[in-house]
Amino acid sequence: MLGVVSVPDAPSFVPDSESHRLRSELLEVRNRLHGRYGFDSLIGRGPSHRRLLEQVGAAAATMVPC
């Protein structure tokens, strides 16, 4: 059957279970790490980095004949 998302006989998670708590904690930690070390943090915030990003943006907006 198309569109089946989960196995019908799979056990469901009880909201108060240890497994649910650990999954929630894992998601929270992943979100914090992504916020701290995600792509946006890879690029500096200094004036030279901002200038570089402006130049890259300007170059990306130009049309170059193929």
N, C-alpha and C. Protein backbone atom coordinates (compact mmCIF):
# COMPACT_ATOMS: atom_id res chain seq x y z
N MET A 1 0.84 -1.17 0.00
CA MET A 1 0.00 0.00 0.00
C MET A 1 0.89 1.24 0.00
N LEU A 2 0.55 2.20 -0.80
CA LEU A 2 1.31 3.45 -0.87
C LEU A 2 0.97 4.35 0.30
N GLY A 3 1.96 5.09 0.75
CA GLY A 3 1.74 6.08 1.79
C GLY A 3 1.83 5.56 3.21
N VAL A 4 2.28 4.33 3.40
CA VAL A 4 2.41 3.80 4.76
C VAL A 4 3.61 4.47 5.41
N VAL A 5 3.40 5.07 6.57
CA VAL A 5 4.44 5.80 7.26
C VAL A 5 5.12 4.96 8.32
N SER A 6 4.37 4.11 9.01
CA SER A 6 4.95 3.28 10.05
C SER A 6 4.37 1.87 9.97
N VAL A 7 5.05 0.97 10.60
CA VAL A 7 4.60 -0.41 10.65
C VAL A 7 3.41 -0.46 11.61
N PRO A 8 2.29 -1.08 11.22
CA PRO A 8 1.11 -1.08 12.08
C PRO A 8 1.33 -1.72 13.44
N ASP A 9 2.21 -2.72 13.54
CA ASP A 9 2.42 -3.41 14.80
C ASP A 9 3.56 -2.81 15.64
N ALA A 10 4.11 -1.68 15.20
CA ALA A 10 5.21 -1.07 15.93
C ALA A 10 4.70 -0.52 17.26
N PRO A 11 5.46 -0.74 18.33
CA PRO A 11 5.01 -0.22 19.62
C PRO A 11 5.08 1.30 19.64
N SER A 12 4.09 1.90 20.25
CA SER A 12 4.08 3.35 20.34
C SER A 12 4.82 3.78 21.60
N PHE A 13 5.31 5.01 21.60
CA PHE A 13 6.05 5.52 22.74
C PHE A 13 5.09 6.15 23.73
N VAL A 14 5.27 5.85 24.97
CA VAL A 14 4.47 6.45 26.03
C VAL A 14 5.09 7.81 26.34
N PRO A 15 4.31 8.88 26.36
CA PRO A 15 4.87 10.22 26.55
C PRO A 15 5.75 10.37 27.79
N ASP A 16 5.47 9.61 28.86
CA ASP A 16 6.24 9.75 30.09
C ASP A 16 7.41 8.78 30.16
N SER A 17 7.65 8.04 29.11
CA SER A 17 8.68 7.01 29.16
C SER A 17 10.08 7.61 29.11
N GLU A 18 11.04 6.84 29.59
CA GLU A 18 12.44 7.24 29.57
C GLU A 18 12.92 7.45 28.14
N SER A 19 12.44 6.61 27.25
CA SER A 19 12.81 6.72 25.84
C SER A 19 12.39 8.08 25.27
N HIS A 20 11.19 8.49 25.57
CA HIS A 20 10.67 9.78 25.08
C HIS A 20 11.49 10.93 25.67
N ARG A 21 11.81 10.84 26.95
CA ARG A 21 12.60 11.88 27.59
C ARG A 21 13.98 11.99 26.95
N LEU A 22 14.60 10.85 26.68
CA LEU A 22 15.92 10.86 26.06
C LEU A 22 15.88 11.40 24.64
N ARG A 23 14.84 11.04 23.90
CA ARG A 23 14.70 11.57 22.54
C ARG A 23 14.51 13.09 22.56
N SER A 24 13.72 13.57 23.48
CA SER A 24 13.51 15.02 23.61
C SER A 24 14.81 15.72 23.97
N GLU A 25 15.56 15.13 24.90
CA GLU A 25 16.82 15.72 25.29
C GLU A 25 17.81 15.73 24.13
N LEU A 26 17.83 14.66 23.35
CA LEU A 26 18.71 14.59 22.19
C LEU A 26 18.37 15.69 21.18
N LEU A 27 17.09 15.88 20.91
CA LEU A 27 16.68 16.93 19.98
C LEU A 27 17.07 18.31 20.48
N GLU A 28 16.92 18.52 21.78
CA GLU A 28 17.30 19.81 22.36
C GLU A 28 18.79 20.07 22.20
N VAL A 29 19.61 19.05 22.48
CA VAL A 29 21.06 19.19 22.35
C VAL A 29 21.44 19.43 20.90
N ARG A 30 20.82 18.69 19.99
CA ARG A 30 21.12 18.89 18.57
C ARG A 30 20.78 20.31 18.12
N ASN A 31 19.65 20.82 18.56
CA ASN A 31 19.25 22.18 18.20
C ASN A 31 20.23 23.21 18.75
N ARG A 32 20.68 23.02 19.98
CA ARG A 32 21.65 23.95 20.56
C ARG A 32 22.97 23.90 19.81
N LEU A 33 23.42 22.69 19.47
CA LEU A 33 24.67 22.57 18.72
C LEU A 33 24.56 23.18 17.34
N HIS A 34 23.42 22.96 16.69
CA HIS A 34 23.23 23.55 15.37
C HIS A 34 23.24 25.08 15.45
N GLY A 35 22.62 25.62 16.48
CA GLY A 35 22.62 27.06 16.67
C GLY A 35 24.01 27.62 16.93
N ARG A 36 24.80 26.86 17.66
CA ARG A 36 26.14 27.34 18.01
C ARG A 36 27.15 27.09 16.90
N TYR A 37 27.08 25.93 16.25
CA TYR A 37 28.09 25.55 15.27
C TYR A 37 27.54 25.37 13.86
N GLY A 38 26.36 25.89 13.60
CA GLY A 38 25.75 25.76 12.28
C GLY A 38 26.49 26.60 11.24
N PHE A 39 25.99 26.59 10.04
CA PHE A 39 26.65 27.27 8.92
C PHE A 39 26.86 28.76 9.20
N ASP A 40 25.90 29.40 9.81
CA ASP A 40 26.02 30.84 10.05
C ASP A 40 27.21 31.19 10.94
N SER A 41 27.59 30.28 11.81
CA SER A 41 28.71 30.57 12.70
C SER A 41 30.06 30.31 12.04
N LEU A 42 30.06 29.69 10.87
CA LEU A 42 31.31 29.41 10.19
C LEU A 42 31.91 30.66 9.57
N ILE A 43 31.09 31.65 9.31
CA ILE A 43 31.54 32.87 8.67
C ILE A 43 31.68 33.95 9.72
N GLY A 44 32.82 34.61 9.73
CA GLY A 44 33.07 35.64 10.72
C GLY A 44 32.13 36.83 10.59
N ARG A 45 32.14 37.65 11.60
CA ARG A 45 31.25 38.80 11.61
C ARG A 45 32.02 40.12 11.50
N GLY A 46 33.30 40.03 11.24
CA GLY A 46 34.12 41.22 11.14
C GLY A 46 33.88 41.97 9.84
N PRO A 47 34.41 43.19 9.73
CA PRO A 47 34.20 44.02 8.53
C PRO A 47 34.72 43.37 7.25
N SER A 48 35.85 42.68 7.33
CA SER A 48 36.40 42.06 6.11
C SER A 48 35.52 40.91 5.66
N HIS A 49 34.96 40.16 6.59
CA HIS A 49 34.06 39.07 6.22
C HIS A 49 32.76 39.60 5.62
N ARG A 50 32.24 40.66 6.20
CA ARG A 50 31.01 41.26 5.64
C ARG A 50 31.26 41.77 4.22
N ARG A 51 32.41 42.41 4.02
CA ARG A 51 32.77 42.91 2.68
C ARG A 51 32.88 41.75 1.69
N LEU A 52 33.51 40.66 2.12
CA LEU A 52 33.63 39.49 1.26
C LEU A 52 32.25 38.95 0.89
N LEU A 53 31.35 38.84 1.86
CA LEU A 53 30.01 38.35 1.58
C LEU A 53 29.25 39.27 0.63
N GLU A 54 29.45 40.58 0.77
CA GLU A 54 28.83 41.52 -0.17
C GLU A 54 29.35 41.30 -1.58
N GLN A 55 30.66 41.07 -1.72
CA GLN A 55 31.25 40.83 -3.04
C GLN A 55 30.74 39.52 -3.63
N VAL A 56 30.63 38.51 -2.82
CA VAL A 56 30.11 37.23 -3.31
C VAL A 56 28.66 37.39 -3.75
N GLY A 57 27.88 38.11 -2.96
CA GLY A 57 26.48 38.36 -3.33
C GLY A 57 26.36 39.13 -4.64
N ALA A 58 27.21 40.13 -4.81
CA ALA A 58 27.19 40.90 -6.06
C ALA A 58 27.59 40.03 -7.24
N ALA A 59 28.59 39.18 -7.07
CA ALA A 59 29.02 38.30 -8.15
C ALA A 59 27.94 37.30 -8.49
N ALA A 60 27.24 36.80 -7.49
CA ALA A 60 26.19 35.81 -7.73
C ALA A 60 25.00 36.42 -8.46
N ALA A 61 24.80 37.72 -8.32
CA ALA A 61 23.67 38.37 -8.97
C ALA A 61 23.94 38.72 -10.44
N THR A 62 25.18 38.60 -10.90
CA THR A 62 25.50 38.95 -12.27
C THR A 62 25.19 37.82 -13.23
N MET A 63 24.92 38.18 -14.47
CA MET A 63 24.65 37.21 -15.53
C MET A 63 25.90 37.09 -16.39
N VAL A 64 26.37 35.88 -16.56
CA VAL A 64 27.56 35.61 -17.36
C VAL A 64 27.11 34.77 -18.56
N PRO A 65 27.46 35.21 -19.79
CA PRO A 65 27.06 34.41 -20.96
C PRO A 65 27.77 33.07 -20.95
N CYS A 66 27.05 32.06 -21.36
CA CYS A 66 27.61 30.70 -21.40
C CYS A 66 28.38 30.43 -22.65
